[in-house]
Amino acid sequence: MHGAARGVVVLYESQERARARQHERATHEAIARRLASLMRFEYAGEYDPLARYPGPVYVVSVVG
C-alpha cells in the first residue's frame, strides 16, 4: 500500500462461523484484504474488541 492508511478493515466472525472450513475462512480474509486495499485502509486481521485502532474501522462481518 502506498502512503498512510486512512483507517483499518477488520474481519469479525460469529462463534459459529469461527469454526468454518479453512477455505471459507481464507475467502473471507481475501475479501477483507481486497476491500482494505480498495479503500486505502490497512487490513488489521481478526477483530479484537480490546484493540485501539487508528482512524475509522470498517468491519467485515461474517455471521450465520
N, C-alpha and C. Protein backbone atom coordinates (compact mmCIF):
# COMPACT_ATOMS: atom_id res chain seq x y z
N MET A 1 0.84 -1.16 0.00
CA MET A 1 0.00 0.00 0.00
C MET A 1 0.89 1.23 0.00
N HIS A 2 0.47 2.23 -0.74
CA HIS A 2 1.25 3.46 -0.83
C HIS A 2 0.66 4.52 0.07
N GLY A 3 1.50 5.22 0.83
CA GLY A 3 1.04 6.27 1.71
C GLY A 3 0.46 5.72 3.00
N ALA A 4 0.02 6.63 3.84
CA ALA A 4 -0.52 6.23 5.13
C ALA A 4 -1.95 5.72 4.98
N ALA A 5 -2.29 4.74 5.78
CA ALA A 5 -3.64 4.19 5.77
C ALA A 5 -4.61 5.22 6.32
N ARG A 6 -5.81 5.26 5.76
CA ARG A 6 -6.84 6.20 6.21
C ARG A 6 -7.70 5.60 7.30
N GLY A 7 -7.56 4.33 7.55
CA GLY A 7 -8.34 3.61 8.55
C GLY A 7 -7.95 2.14 8.48
N VAL A 8 -8.75 1.29 9.10
CA VAL A 8 -8.46 -0.14 9.08
C VAL A 8 -9.71 -0.94 8.74
N VAL A 9 -9.49 -2.11 8.16
CA VAL A 9 -10.55 -3.08 7.92
C VAL A 9 -10.24 -4.29 8.78
N VAL A 10 -11.24 -4.76 9.53
CA VAL A 10 -11.07 -5.94 10.37
C VAL A 10 -12.11 -6.97 9.99
N LEU A 11 -11.83 -8.21 10.28
CA LEU A 11 -12.73 -9.32 9.99
C LEU A 11 -13.36 -9.79 11.29
N TYR A 12 -14.69 -9.84 11.33
CA TYR A 12 -15.40 -10.33 12.52
C TYR A 12 -16.23 -11.54 12.12
N GLU A 13 -16.03 -12.65 12.79
CA GLU A 13 -16.81 -13.84 12.55
C GLU A 13 -17.51 -14.26 13.83
N SER A 14 -18.79 -14.65 13.70
CA SER A 14 -19.53 -15.13 14.86
C SER A 14 -18.88 -16.41 15.37
N GLN A 15 -19.22 -16.81 16.56
CA GLN A 15 -18.64 -18.02 17.15
C GLN A 15 -18.89 -19.24 16.27
N GLU A 16 -20.09 -19.33 15.68
CA GLU A 16 -20.40 -20.47 14.82
C GLU A 16 -19.52 -20.46 13.57
N ARG A 17 -19.32 -19.27 13.00
CA ARG A 17 -18.53 -19.14 11.78
C ARG A 17 -17.05 -19.32 12.06
N ALA A 18 -16.61 -19.07 13.27
CA ALA A 18 -15.19 -19.18 13.60
C ALA A 18 -14.70 -20.61 13.39
N ARG A 19 -15.63 -21.56 13.41
CA ARG A 19 -15.26 -22.95 13.21
C ARG A 19 -15.47 -23.37 11.74
N ALA A 20 -15.65 -22.41 10.86
CA ALA A 20 -15.90 -22.70 9.44
C ALA A 20 -14.69 -23.38 8.81
N ARG A 21 -14.96 -24.00 7.70
CA ARG A 21 -13.88 -24.66 6.97
C ARG A 21 -12.78 -23.65 6.61
N GLN A 22 -11.58 -24.14 6.52
CA GLN A 22 -10.41 -23.30 6.24
C GLN A 22 -10.57 -22.51 4.93
N HIS A 23 -11.16 -23.14 3.92
CA HIS A 23 -11.35 -22.47 2.63
C HIS A 23 -12.24 -21.24 2.79
N GLU A 24 -13.35 -21.39 3.51
CA GLU A 24 -14.24 -20.26 3.73
C GLU A 24 -13.53 -19.14 4.47
N ARG A 25 -12.77 -19.51 5.47
CA ARG A 25 -12.03 -18.51 6.25
C ARG A 25 -11.04 -17.75 5.38
N ALA A 26 -10.32 -18.48 4.54
CA ALA A 26 -9.36 -17.84 3.64
C ALA A 26 -10.06 -16.92 2.65
N THR A 27 -11.24 -17.32 2.18
CA THR A 27 -12.00 -16.49 1.25
C THR A 27 -12.45 -15.20 1.91
N HIS A 28 -12.97 -15.28 3.13
CA HIS A 28 -13.41 -14.08 3.85
C HIS A 28 -12.23 -13.13 4.10
N GLU A 29 -11.10 -13.70 4.45
CA GLU A 29 -9.92 -12.86 4.68
C GLU A 29 -9.47 -12.19 3.39
N ALA A 30 -9.50 -12.90 2.28
CA ALA A 30 -9.10 -12.32 0.99
C ALA A 30 -10.03 -11.17 0.61
N ILE A 31 -11.32 -11.35 0.86
CA ILE A 31 -12.28 -10.28 0.56
C ILE A 31 -11.99 -9.05 1.42
N ALA A 32 -11.75 -9.26 2.71
CA ALA A 32 -11.47 -8.14 3.61
C ALA A 32 -10.17 -7.44 3.22
N ARG A 33 -9.15 -8.20 2.83
CA ARG A 33 -7.88 -7.59 2.39
C ARG A 33 -8.08 -6.75 1.13
N ARG A 34 -8.85 -7.28 0.19
CA ARG A 34 -9.09 -6.56 -1.07
C ARG A 34 -9.88 -5.28 -0.80
N LEU A 35 -10.87 -5.38 0.05
CA LEU A 35 -11.66 -4.21 0.41
C LEU A 35 -10.78 -3.13 1.05
N ALA A 36 -9.91 -3.56 1.95
CA ALA A 36 -8.98 -2.60 2.59
C ALA A 36 -8.13 -1.91 1.53
N SER A 37 -7.64 -2.66 0.58
CA SER A 37 -6.81 -2.08 -0.47
C SER A 37 -7.59 -1.06 -1.30
N LEU A 38 -8.81 -1.42 -1.67
CA LEU A 38 -9.65 -0.51 -2.46
C LEU A 38 -9.98 0.77 -1.71
N MET A 39 -10.14 0.65 -0.40
CA MET A 39 -10.47 1.81 0.44
C MET A 39 -9.24 2.59 0.88
N ARG A 40 -8.06 2.05 0.55
CA ARG A 40 -6.79 2.61 1.03
C ARG A 40 -6.72 2.57 2.55
N PHE A 41 -7.26 1.49 3.11
CA PHE A 41 -7.19 1.22 4.53
C PHE A 41 -6.17 0.12 4.74
N GLU A 42 -5.76 -0.07 5.96
CA GLU A 42 -4.88 -1.18 6.33
C GLU A 42 -5.76 -2.37 6.72
N TYR A 43 -5.35 -3.58 6.37
CA TYR A 43 -6.06 -4.76 6.85
C TYR A 43 -5.46 -5.12 8.20
N ALA A 44 -6.30 -5.17 9.23
CA ALA A 44 -5.80 -5.40 10.59
C ALA A 44 -6.13 -6.78 11.13
N GLY A 45 -6.63 -7.69 10.29
CA GLY A 45 -6.87 -9.05 10.72
C GLY A 45 -8.18 -9.23 11.47
N GLU A 46 -8.18 -10.22 12.33
CA GLU A 46 -9.37 -10.55 13.12
C GLU A 46 -9.67 -9.42 14.10
N TYR A 47 -10.95 -9.07 14.21
CA TYR A 47 -11.38 -8.01 15.13
C TYR A 47 -11.00 -8.35 16.57
N ASP A 48 -10.44 -7.37 17.26
CA ASP A 48 -10.08 -7.52 18.66
C ASP A 48 -10.80 -6.41 19.43
N PRO A 49 -11.79 -6.76 20.26
CA PRO A 49 -12.55 -5.73 20.97
C PRO A 49 -11.70 -4.90 21.94
N LEU A 50 -10.53 -5.38 22.29
CA LEU A 50 -9.67 -4.63 23.21
C LEU A 50 -8.65 -3.75 22.49
N ALA A 51 -8.56 -3.89 21.18
CA ALA A 51 -7.57 -3.13 20.40
C ALA A 51 -8.01 -1.68 20.23
N ARG A 52 -7.02 -0.82 20.10
CA ARG A 52 -7.27 0.59 19.77
C ARG A 52 -6.79 0.77 18.34
N TYR A 53 -7.73 0.89 17.43
CA TYR A 53 -7.40 1.00 16.01
C TYR A 53 -7.23 2.46 15.62
N PRO A 54 -6.24 2.74 14.76
CA PRO A 54 -6.04 4.11 14.30
C PRO A 54 -7.06 4.48 13.23
N GLY A 55 -7.75 5.55 13.41
CA GLY A 55 -8.70 6.02 12.40
C GLY A 55 -9.98 5.21 12.37
N PRO A 56 -10.78 5.42 11.34
CA PRO A 56 -12.04 4.70 11.21
C PRO A 56 -11.81 3.19 11.06
N VAL A 57 -12.78 2.42 11.54
CA VAL A 57 -12.71 0.95 11.44
C VAL A 57 -13.89 0.47 10.60
N TYR A 58 -13.61 -0.30 9.56
CA TYR A 58 -14.64 -0.91 8.74
C TYR A 58 -14.63 -2.40 9.07
N VAL A 59 -15.77 -2.90 9.53
CA VAL A 59 -15.86 -4.30 9.96
C VAL A 59 -16.51 -5.13 8.86
N VAL A 60 -15.82 -6.17 8.43
CA VAL A 60 -16.39 -7.15 7.52
C VAL A 60 -16.95 -8.24 8.40
N SER A 61 -18.28 -8.27 8.52
CA SER A 61 -18.94 -9.19 9.44
C SER A 61 -19.40 -10.44 8.69
N VAL A 62 -19.02 -11.58 9.23
CA VAL A 62 -19.42 -12.87 8.65
C VAL A 62 -20.19 -13.59 9.75
N VAL A 63 -21.49 -13.73 9.57
CA VAL A 63 -22.34 -14.34 10.59
C VAL A 63 -23.13 -15.49 9.99
N GLY A 64 -23.68 -16.29 10.87
CA GLY A 64 -24.64 -17.28 10.50
C GLY A 64 -24.24 -18.55 10.06
